[in-house]
Amino acid sequence: MDPISQGIVGSSFSQSCTHNKKSLVLISVIGFLSGVAPDIDIFIRSEQDPLLFLEFHRQFTHSLIFIPIGGIICASFFYCFSRIRTYISFKEVWFFSTIGYGTHGLLDACTSYGTLLFWPFSYERISWNNISIIDPFFTIPLIIFVILGLYLKKLYFSRLAVVWALSYLLLGVILHEKALNIGNNLAEKRGHKITTINAKPTFANLFLWKVIYENKGIFYTDGIRIFPTIKIIEGDSIPKLDLTKDFLWLNPESQQAKDIKRFAWFSHNYLAISPTNKNLIVDVRYSILPNQISGLWGIELSPEADFIEHTKFISNRNKSENRIKALIDMIVDK
């Protein structure tokens, strides 16, 4: 999720685990910074290999086995480079750092991006799809509770923040299952036999979901509004990427072919060729509008590339005002 959400969750959980009201601000800061710390992996990237950051972001720093290590790294940094030792012991700093650090990977796994929670034992990207990467309905109440807890020095508010976070994530799990059920029923009405199906909340809310499924090598995507009333916004379809037909010129041993496999792993094989660029492979899971297949990112191949040349990573995150307005209209339209 976004850094503010990660930090405030780390802060609220750290706050809720103490009875030391005198050091509440300090503990909150430790929890916040530790909650953000695993995203230091975003600096692992290469200009020569554009996909390197996809492999390492949300990898070892986000895994469950790394939590106590990440906690002790954070604690050592805080303890060595501040006057924190005047107020609390290293053991306490490590405890609160580990609590904050531990919330990060689990919260990221609730999104659809994918997190290697079980690295190095498994390279499966865990994505529970029960919250958007940015969701103000989740984050703003947490900020309010944490600030109230600090201002009034009442741990009651810290625990309310934890209850809110867990309740909201649980609601996302319930609505995710509901969206999947509606998607399955929609496919059945169309006479489609589902190979794979995925549901994810749209940007910044749990009301409107994007459901995408595969039938006979074709992806279908639809918007499904769950609240306040159920509404289906039927959408687009696109053929699934088929390397045996789509890129006959591609050498299967080339670096570009290897990059396609890496991108397929990252995207859970939800790949298709962009309708506007025959050399661009997009991740069809992501779009601003849930009934469209536009692809917020993808990899571009070149027939002229040499054997060891990488593909290009293309980002198309242009959130135009018209698309945002259309998204809001889908949510509130009766």
Protein backbone atom coordinates (compact mmCIF):
# COMPACT_ATOMS: atom_id res chain seq x y z
CA MET A 1 0.00 0.00 0.00
CA ASP A 2 0.97 3.66 0.02
CA PRO A 3 3.63 4.75 2.57
CA ILE A 4 1.19 6.74 4.73
CA SER A 5 -1.07 3.71 5.18
CA GLN A 6 1.88 1.44 5.89
CA GLY A 7 3.31 3.83 8.44
CA ILE A 8 0.06 4.59 10.25
CA VAL A 9 -0.79 0.87 10.53
CA GLY A 10 2.68 0.21 11.98
CA SER A 11 2.20 3.12 14.36
CA SER A 12 -1.27 2.03 15.54
CA PHE A 13 -0.20 -1.56 16.20
CA SER A 14 2.92 -0.43 18.07
CA GLN A 15 0.86 2.03 20.15
CA SER A 16 -1.65 -0.65 21.06
CA CYS A 17 1.10 -2.92 22.45
CA THR A 18 2.36 -0.58 25.16
CA HIS A 19 1.29 0.76 28.53
CA ASN A 20 4.03 3.39 28.54
CA LYS A 21 2.07 6.61 27.97
CA LYS A 22 5.10 8.81 28.61
CA SER A 23 6.87 7.47 25.52
CA LEU A 24 3.77 7.12 23.37
CA VAL A 25 4.92 9.63 20.74
CA LEU A 26 8.31 7.96 20.48
CA ILE A 27 6.76 4.50 20.17
CA SER A 28 4.41 5.81 17.48
CA VAL A 29 7.31 7.22 15.47
CA ILE A 30 9.21 3.93 15.79
CA GLY A 31 6.16 1.99 14.61
CA PHE A 32 5.56 4.41 11.73
CA LEU A 33 9.12 4.34 10.39
CA SER A 34 9.40 0.58 10.84
CA GLY A 35 6.08 0.14 9.05
CA VAL A 36 7.48 1.98 6.03
CA ALA A 37 10.98 0.44 6.15
CA PRO A 38 10.43 -2.73 4.02
CA ASP A 39 9.83 -0.54 0.96
CA ILE A 40 13.52 0.32 0.92
CA ASP A 41 13.66 -2.44 -1.69
CA ILE A 42 12.38 0.06 -4.28
CA PHE A 43 15.99 1.17 -4.65
CA ILE A 44 16.94 -2.24 -6.05
CA ARG A 45 16.72 -1.45 -9.75
CA SER A 46 18.84 -1.32 -12.87
CA GLU A 47 18.87 0.86 -15.95
CA GLN A 48 20.12 -2.11 -17.98
CA ASP A 49 17.41 -4.48 -16.67
CA PRO A 50 14.07 -2.63 -16.40
CA LEU A 51 12.29 -5.62 -14.82
CA LEU A 52 14.72 -6.05 -11.93
CA PHE A 53 12.58 -3.88 -9.64
CA LEU A 54 9.53 -6.09 -10.34
CA GLU A 55 11.45 -9.09 -9.03
CA PHE A 56 12.80 -7.44 -5.88
CA HIS A 57 10.01 -5.08 -4.82
CA ARG A 58 7.92 -6.88 -2.19
CA GLN A 59 10.44 -9.70 -2.07
CA PHE A 60 12.77 -10.62 0.82
CA THR A 61 12.21 -7.41 2.82
CA HIS A 62 8.48 -8.23 2.87
CA SER A 63 8.71 -11.93 3.76
CA LEU A 64 7.50 -13.32 7.07
CA ILE A 65 10.87 -14.88 7.89
CA PHE A 66 12.60 -11.51 7.52
CA ILE A 67 10.37 -9.71 10.06
CA PRO A 68 12.60 -10.19 13.16
CA ILE A 69 15.68 -9.32 11.08
CA GLY A 70 14.03 -6.19 9.71
CA GLY A 71 12.94 -5.30 13.23
CA ILE A 72 16.46 -5.54 14.63
CA ILE A 73 17.91 -3.53 11.72
CA CYS A 74 15.38 -0.75 12.34
CA ALA A 75 15.92 -0.88 16.10
CA SER A 76 19.71 -0.72 15.72
CA PHE A 77 19.42 2.29 13.44
CA PHE A 78 17.02 4.13 15.76
CA TYR A 79 19.06 3.30 18.84
CA CYS A 80 22.43 4.26 17.41
CA PHE A 81 21.47 7.49 15.66
CA SER A 82 19.14 9.14 18.16
CA ARG A 83 18.67 9.89 21.85
CA ILE A 84 16.05 7.18 22.06
CA ARG A 85 18.13 5.25 24.62
CA THR A 86 17.37 7.99 27.16
CA TYR A 87 13.71 6.97 27.21
CA ILE A 88 13.38 3.24 26.47
CA SER A 89 15.64 0.20 26.34
CA PHE A 90 16.97 -1.47 23.19
CA LYS A 91 14.76 -4.49 23.88
CA GLU A 92 11.69 -2.25 23.84
CA VAL A 93 12.85 -0.48 20.68
CA TRP A 94 13.35 -3.85 18.97
CA PHE A 95 9.91 -5.03 20.09
CA PHE A 96 8.07 -1.97 18.73
CA SER A 97 10.19 -1.94 15.57
CA THR A 98 9.36 -5.58 14.91
CA ILE A 99 5.65 -4.99 15.47
CA GLY A 100 5.66 -2.09 13.01
CA TYR A 101 7.84 -3.90 10.49
CA GLY A 102 5.69 -7.03 10.67
CA THR A 103 2.53 -5.24 9.61
CA HIS A 104 4.00 -4.16 6.28
CA GLY A 105 4.20 -7.38 4.28
CA LEU A 106 0.85 -8.63 5.57
CA LEU A 107 -0.87 -5.37 4.59
CA ASP A 108 0.75 -5.44 1.14
CA ALA A 109 -0.49 -9.01 0.65
CA CYS A 110 -4.04 -7.69 1.04
CA THR A 111 -3.63 -5.76 -2.23
CA SER A 112 -3.55 -7.20 -5.74
CA TYR A 113 0.09 -6.40 -6.55
CA GLY A 114 1.51 -9.58 -5.05
CA THR A 115 3.90 -10.07 -2.12
CA LEU A 116 6.47 -12.83 -1.54
CA LEU A 117 5.39 -13.56 2.03
CA PHE A 118 6.98 -17.01 2.05
CA TRP A 119 10.32 -16.14 0.43
CA PRO A 120 12.73 -17.98 0.16
CA PHE A 121 10.63 -21.13 0.47
CA SER A 122 8.13 -20.05 -2.16
CA TYR A 123 8.20 -17.52 -4.99
CA GLU A 124 4.42 -17.33 -5.23
CA ARG A 125 3.17 -13.76 -5.19
CA ILE A 126 0.50 -13.65 -2.49
CA SER A 127 -2.36 -11.25 -3.28
CA TRP A 128 -5.60 -11.47 -1.31
CA ASN A 129 -7.24 -8.64 -3.29
CA ASN A 130 -9.27 -7.24 -0.39
CA ILE A 131 -8.14 -3.61 -0.47
CA SER A 132 -6.94 -1.07 -3.02
CA ILE A 133 -3.31 0.07 -2.94
CA ILE A 134 -4.66 3.50 -1.93
CA ASP A 135 -7.88 3.69 0.08
CA PRO A 136 -8.70 6.86 2.07
CA PHE A 137 -11.68 5.13 3.74
CA PHE A 138 -9.14 2.80 5.35
CA THR A 139 -6.35 5.28 6.06
CA ILE A 140 -8.04 8.50 7.22
CA PRO A 141 -9.85 6.95 10.25
CA LEU A 142 -6.55 5.34 11.29
CA ILE A 143 -4.80 8.71 11.19
CA ILE A 144 -7.58 10.26 13.29
CA PHE A 145 -7.46 7.49 15.90
CA VAL A 146 -3.66 7.60 16.17
CA ILE A 147 -3.60 11.40 16.54
CA LEU A 148 -6.36 11.29 19.17
CA GLY A 149 -4.44 8.61 21.05
CA LEU A 150 -1.31 10.77 21.05
CA TYR A 151 -3.08 14.01 21.93
CA LEU A 152 -5.23 12.59 24.72
CA LYS A 153 -2.69 9.92 25.74
CA LYS A 154 -5.45 7.33 25.63
CA LEU A 155 -4.47 3.85 24.45
CA TYR A 156 -8.17 3.22 23.84
CA PHE A 157 -7.89 5.10 20.53
CA SER A 158 -4.84 3.08 19.48
CA ARG A 159 -6.82 -0.11 19.94
CA LEU A 160 -9.78 1.39 18.09
CA ALA A 161 -7.38 1.98 15.17
CA VAL A 162 -6.37 -1.69 15.20
CA VAL A 163 -10.01 -2.78 15.35
CA TRP A 164 -10.86 -0.46 12.44
CA ALA A 165 -7.96 -1.77 10.32
CA LEU A 166 -8.82 -5.43 10.90
CA SER A 167 -12.56 -4.84 10.42
CA TYR A 168 -12.04 -2.97 7.16
CA LEU A 169 -9.74 -5.67 5.80
CA LEU A 170 -12.26 -8.34 6.82
CA LEU A 171 -14.99 -6.41 5.03
CA GLY A 172 -12.78 -6.44 1.96
CA VAL A 173 -12.48 -10.24 2.19
CA ILE A 174 -16.28 -10.57 2.34
CA LEU A 175 -16.86 -8.19 -0.58
CA HIS A 176 -14.12 -9.91 -2.61
CA GLU A 177 -15.95 -13.21 -2.30
CA LYS A 178 -19.21 -11.50 -3.24
CA ALA A 179 -17.62 -9.95 -6.34
CA LEU A 180 -16.23 -13.35 -7.36
CA ASN A 181 -19.66 -14.97 -6.96
CA ILE A 182 -21.31 -12.29 -9.09
CA GLY A 183 -18.55 -12.70 -11.69
CA ASN A 184 -19.03 -16.47 -11.78
CA ASN A 185 -22.78 -16.05 -12.21
CA LEU A 186 -22.25 -13.51 -15.00
CA ALA A 187 -19.93 -15.88 -16.86
CA GLU A 188 -22.43 -18.72 -16.45
CA LYS A 189 -25.20 -16.56 -17.95
CA ARG A 190 -22.95 -15.90 -20.94
CA GLY A 191 -22.32 -19.61 -21.37
CA HIS A 192 -18.64 -19.24 -20.52
CA LYS A 193 -16.52 -21.83 -18.77
CA ILE A 194 -14.06 -20.06 -16.50
CA THR A 195 -10.40 -21.06 -16.57
CA THR A 196 -9.22 -18.37 -14.13
CA ILE A 197 -11.02 -15.52 -12.38
CA ASN A 198 -9.79 -12.54 -10.41
CA ALA A 199 -11.58 -9.75 -8.54
CA LYS A 200 -9.95 -6.60 -7.21
CA PRO A 201 -11.29 -3.35 -5.75
CA THR A 202 -10.99 -0.29 -7.93
CA PHE A 203 -8.97 2.78 -7.00
CA ALA A 204 -9.57 4.12 -3.47
CA ASN A 205 -12.77 2.24 -2.54
CA LEU A 206 -14.45 -1.09 -1.76
CA PHE A 207 -17.73 -0.24 -3.50
CA LEU A 208 -16.75 -0.94 -7.11
CA TRP A 209 -14.77 -4.01 -8.19
CA LYS A 210 -13.04 -5.14 -11.34
CA VAL A 211 -13.72 -8.80 -12.19
CA ILE A 212 -11.67 -10.41 -14.93
CA TYR A 213 -11.93 -14.03 -16.05
CA GLU A 214 -10.58 -16.25 -18.82
CA ASN A 215 -12.72 -18.35 -21.13
CA LYS A 216 -11.24 -20.28 -24.09
CA GLY A 217 -8.16 -18.10 -24.25
CA ILE A 218 -10.03 -14.78 -23.98
CA PHE A 219 -10.08 -12.40 -21.01
CA TYR A 220 -13.38 -10.71 -20.13
CA THR A 221 -13.53 -7.81 -17.73
CA ASP A 222 -16.54 -6.20 -16.05
CA GLY A 223 -17.19 -3.63 -13.37
CA ILE A 224 -19.29 -4.83 -10.44
CA ARG A 225 -20.64 -2.31 -7.97
CA ILE A 226 -21.59 -3.98 -4.71
CA PHE A 227 -22.71 -1.02 -2.60
CA PRO A 228 -25.20 0.69 -2.20
CA THR A 229 -26.89 -1.52 -4.81
CA ILE A 230 -25.51 -4.27 -7.01
CA LYS A 231 -24.86 -3.11 -10.54
CA ILE A 232 -22.94 -4.78 -13.37
CA ILE A 233 -21.07 -2.60 -15.87
CA GLU A 234 -20.27 -4.93 -18.75
CA GLY A 235 -16.89 -4.36 -20.31
CA ASP A 236 -14.25 -5.40 -22.80
CA SER A 237 -12.65 -8.66 -23.88
CA ILE A 238 -9.22 -9.39 -25.29
CA PRO A 239 -7.33 -12.55 -26.41
CA LYS A 240 -4.81 -13.91 -23.92
CA LEU A 241 -1.17 -13.70 -24.94
CA ASP A 242 -0.15 -16.73 -27.01
CA LEU A 243 3.55 -16.70 -27.89
CA THR A 244 3.11 -19.49 -30.43
CA LYS A 245 0.93 -17.13 -32.51
CA ASP A 246 1.63 -13.57 -31.43
CA PHE A 247 5.42 -13.31 -31.71
CA LEU A 248 6.58 -15.81 -34.31
CA TRP A 249 9.76 -13.81 -34.86
CA LEU A 250 10.81 -14.07 -31.19
CA ASN A 251 13.80 -16.29 -30.41
CA PRO A 252 12.67 -18.41 -27.41
CA GLU A 253 16.20 -18.31 -25.97
CA SER A 254 16.57 -14.53 -26.23
CA GLN A 255 16.55 -12.12 -23.30
CA GLN A 256 13.24 -10.69 -24.48
CA ALA A 257 11.65 -14.15 -24.25
CA LYS A 258 13.05 -14.53 -20.74
CA ASP A 259 11.65 -11.13 -19.80
CA ILE A 260 8.18 -12.23 -20.94
CA LYS A 261 8.39 -15.18 -18.54
CA ARG A 262 9.45 -12.83 -15.72
CA PHE A 263 6.58 -10.47 -16.48
CA ALA A 264 4.14 -13.41 -16.65
CA TRP A 265 5.26 -14.50 -13.17
CA PHE A 266 4.71 -10.99 -11.86
CA SER A 267 1.30 -10.68 -13.55
CA HIS A 268 -0.03 -14.16 -12.70
CA ASN A 269 -0.21 -14.75 -16.50
CA TYR A 270 -2.88 -12.09 -17.00
CA LEU A 271 -1.15 -10.93 -20.18
CA ALA A 272 -2.42 -9.69 -23.53
CA ILE A 273 -1.18 -7.63 -26.46
CA SER A 274 -2.19 -3.99 -26.29
CA PRO A 275 -4.88 -3.12 -28.87
CA THR A 276 -2.93 0.03 -29.77
CA ASN A 277 0.59 -1.42 -29.94
CA LYS A 278 1.22 -4.92 -31.34
CA ASN A 279 4.64 -5.09 -29.63
CA LEU A 280 3.36 -4.11 -26.16
CA ILE A 281 2.36 -6.83 -23.67
CA VAL A 282 0.13 -5.45 -20.90
CA ASP A 283 -0.95 -6.67 -17.47
CA VAL A 284 -4.72 -6.76 -17.98
CA ARG A 285 -5.48 -6.83 -14.25
CA TYR A 286 -4.99 -3.09 -13.92
CA SER A 287 -6.93 -0.19 -15.40
CA ILE A 288 -8.53 2.95 -14.02
CA LEU A 289 -12.00 1.89 -15.17
CA PRO A 290 -12.99 -1.67 -14.17
CA ASN A 291 -14.78 -2.48 -17.44
CA GLN A 292 -11.78 -1.60 -19.60
CA ILE A 293 -8.59 -3.40 -20.56
CA SER A 294 -6.04 -0.65 -21.02
CA GLY A 295 -3.12 -1.82 -18.90
CA LEU A 296 -1.41 0.58 -16.51
CA TRP A 297 1.93 -1.02 -17.33
CA GLY A 298 3.52 -3.50 -19.70
CA ILE A 299 6.67 -4.53 -21.56
CA GLU A 300 7.49 -3.51 -25.11
CA LEU A 301 9.36 -5.89 -27.42
CA SER A 302 11.45 -4.93 -30.42
CA PRO A 303 11.97 -7.16 -33.49
CA GLU A 304 15.28 -5.34 -34.04
CA ALA A 305 16.64 -6.04 -30.55
CA ASP A 306 19.79 -8.13 -30.27
CA PHE A 307 19.90 -11.50 -28.48
CA ILE A 308 20.84 -10.11 -25.04
CA GLU A 309 18.77 -6.92 -25.10
CA HIS A 310 15.99 -6.51 -22.50
CA THR A 311 12.43 -5.46 -23.16
CA LYS A 312 11.33 -1.95 -22.24
CA PHE A 313 9.07 -1.41 -19.24
CA ILE A 314 6.22 0.93 -20.13
CA SER A 315 4.14 2.71 -17.48
CA ASN A 316 0.80 4.21 -18.43
CA ARG A 317 -0.51 5.55 -15.12
CA ASN A 318 -2.06 8.67 -16.58
CA LYS A 319 -5.12 9.21 -14.39
CA SER A 320 -7.01 11.68 -16.55
CA GLU A 321 -9.80 13.76 -14.99
CA ASN A 322 -12.30 12.19 -17.39
CA ARG A 323 -11.45 8.67 -16.22
CA ILE A 324 -11.59 9.59 -12.54
CA LYS A 325 -14.96 11.27 -13.11
CA ALA A 326 -16.20 8.18 -14.97
CA LEU A 327 -15.03 6.00 -12.05
CA ILE A 328 -16.93 8.16 -9.55
CA ASP A 329 -20.03 8.06 -11.75
CA MET A 330 -19.89 4.24 -11.76
CA ILE A 331 -19.77 4.22 -7.96
CA VAL A 332 -22.58 6.69 -7.27
CA ASP A 333 -24.84 6.17 -10.33
CA LYS A 334 -28.12 4.46 -9.50
